[in-house]
Amino acid sequence: MSSSTEKSRRTRLIFSYWSSLLYDLALGQKEQRIEEAQRALELRPISGDAYEGPFVAKNVAIVYAMADQSDLAFEQLEMLARMPGILNYADLYADPYWDRLREDPRFDKLLPN
């Protein structure tokens, strides 16, 4: 199997995993999904994987936001905001995943004006 085919397969699997996790969150399975997200972050930390680690951390922040764990979500987002190219204005202000966080004063501090 070629490298690009393997990357494409892996990307589809990762997307599918996070999509199902968010779907379960919407169904009210918060504690279990938070634990899964935290485990994913342990398995793929930014310190060990500069490419996929930030992607995992961002998805963990989404899980926290959707599970009404805003302090934990902001902990991840504030770390990611210090990394170039991970968070952008359009993502933060248009993506419905962050709706629950937008009223918090910390939200506007994530990106420079």
Protein backbone atom coordinates (compact mmCIF):
# COMPACT_ATOMS: atom_id res chain seq x y z
CA MET A 1 0.00 0.00 0.00
CA SER A 2 1.40 3.40 -0.95
CA SER A 3 2.19 6.02 1.66
CA SER A 4 -0.49 8.41 0.38
CA THR A 5 -3.11 5.64 0.38
CA GLU A 6 -2.22 4.74 3.96
CA LYS A 7 -2.39 8.40 5.02
CA SER A 8 -5.78 8.77 3.35
CA ARG A 9 -7.08 5.63 5.07
CA ARG A 10 -5.75 6.80 8.43
CA THR A 11 -7.32 10.25 7.97
CA ARG A 12 -10.72 8.69 7.21
CA LEU A 13 -10.48 6.46 10.29
CA ILE A 14 -9.54 9.37 12.54
CA PHE A 15 -12.35 11.51 11.16
CA SER A 16 -14.81 8.66 11.63
CA TYR A 17 -13.67 8.14 15.23
CA TRP A 18 -14.07 11.80 16.20
CA SER A 19 -17.41 12.05 14.38
CA SER A 20 -18.83 9.07 16.27
CA LEU A 21 -17.48 10.43 19.54
CA LEU A 22 -19.25 13.77 18.96
CA TYR A 23 -22.44 11.99 17.95
CA ASP A 24 -22.39 10.03 21.22
CA LEU A 25 -21.83 13.28 23.12
CA ALA A 26 -24.95 14.71 21.53
CA LEU A 27 -26.81 11.66 22.82
CA GLY A 28 -25.70 12.48 26.36
CA GLN A 29 -22.78 10.11 26.86
CA LYS A 30 -20.54 12.81 28.30
CA GLU A 31 -18.42 11.06 30.91
CA GLN A 32 -17.44 8.16 28.68
CA ARG A 33 -16.61 10.40 25.73
CA ILE A 34 -14.56 12.79 27.87
CA GLU A 35 -12.55 9.81 29.08
CA GLU A 36 -12.03 8.65 25.49
CA ALA A 37 -10.92 12.11 24.41
CA GLN A 38 -8.48 12.35 27.31
CA ARG A 39 -7.11 8.93 26.43
CA ALA A 40 -6.62 10.01 22.80
CA LEU A 41 -4.67 13.02 24.05
CA GLU A 42 -2.49 10.73 26.18
CA LEU A 43 -1.82 8.48 23.20
CA ARG A 44 -1.09 11.33 20.79
CA PRO A 45 0.27 14.29 22.78
CA ILE A 46 1.59 17.36 20.99
CA SER A 47 4.97 16.74 22.61
CA GLY A 48 5.17 13.37 20.87
CA ASP A 49 3.53 14.21 17.55
CA ALA A 50 3.74 17.76 16.25
CA TYR A 51 1.54 16.91 13.26
CA GLU A 52 -1.40 14.96 14.70
CA GLY A 53 -1.05 16.09 18.32
CA PRO A 54 -2.57 19.56 17.76
CA PHE A 55 -5.42 18.00 15.76
CA VAL A 56 -6.17 15.68 18.67
CA ALA A 57 -5.93 18.53 21.20
CA LYS A 58 -8.35 20.64 19.15
CA ASN A 59 -10.83 17.77 18.99
CA VAL A 60 -10.47 17.23 22.73
CA ALA A 61 -11.32 20.92 23.19
CA ILE A 62 -14.44 20.38 21.06
CA VAL A 63 -15.44 17.41 23.22
CA TYR A 64 -14.97 19.49 26.37
CA ALA A 65 -16.99 22.37 24.90
CA MET A 66 -19.84 20.10 23.86
CA ALA A 67 -19.78 18.41 27.27
CA ASP A 68 -20.12 21.78 29.05
CA GLN A 69 -16.59 21.57 30.44
CA SER A 70 -15.59 25.10 29.44
CA ASP A 71 -12.58 25.40 31.76
CA LEU A 72 -11.05 22.28 30.23
CA ALA A 73 -11.94 23.44 26.71
CA PHE A 74 -10.25 26.79 27.28
CA GLU A 75 -7.19 25.07 28.72
CA GLN A 76 -6.73 23.27 25.40
CA LEU A 77 -7.68 26.26 23.25
CA GLU A 78 -5.34 28.66 25.06
CA MET A 79 -2.46 26.25 24.46
CA LEU A 80 -3.42 25.82 20.79
CA ALA A 81 -3.76 29.59 20.29
CA ARG A 82 -0.03 29.92 20.99
CA MET A 83 0.76 27.56 18.12
CA PRO A 84 0.87 29.05 14.62
CA GLY A 85 -1.70 27.81 12.12
CA ILE A 86 -3.83 25.69 14.45
CA LEU A 87 -6.72 28.01 15.30
CA ASN A 88 -8.05 30.69 13.00
CA TYR A 89 -10.69 33.38 13.16
CA ALA A 90 -13.09 31.69 10.76
CA ASP A 91 -12.95 28.40 12.66
CA LEU A 92 -13.53 29.94 16.07
CA TYR A 93 -16.27 32.35 15.05
CA ALA A 94 -18.16 30.25 12.52
CA ASP A 95 -17.86 26.68 13.74
CA PRO A 96 -20.89 25.67 15.83
CA TYR A 97 -18.70 23.50 18.06
CA TRP A 98 -17.61 26.66 19.86
CA ASP A 99 -21.12 28.11 20.32
CA ARG A 100 -21.20 27.25 24.02
CA LEU A 101 -17.94 29.10 24.63
CA ARG A 102 -18.55 32.34 22.73
CA GLU A 103 -20.24 34.15 25.64
CA ASP A 104 -17.25 33.51 27.90
CA PRO A 105 -14.83 36.50 28.11
CA ARG A 106 -11.91 34.13 27.52
CA PHE A 107 -13.16 33.36 24.03
CA ASP A 108 -12.34 36.77 22.55
CA LYS A 109 -8.82 36.54 23.97
CA LEU A 110 -7.97 33.40 22.00
CA LEU A 111 -6.98 35.29 18.85
CA PRO A 112 -5.51 38.76 18.47
CA ASN A 113 -7.88 41.41 17.08
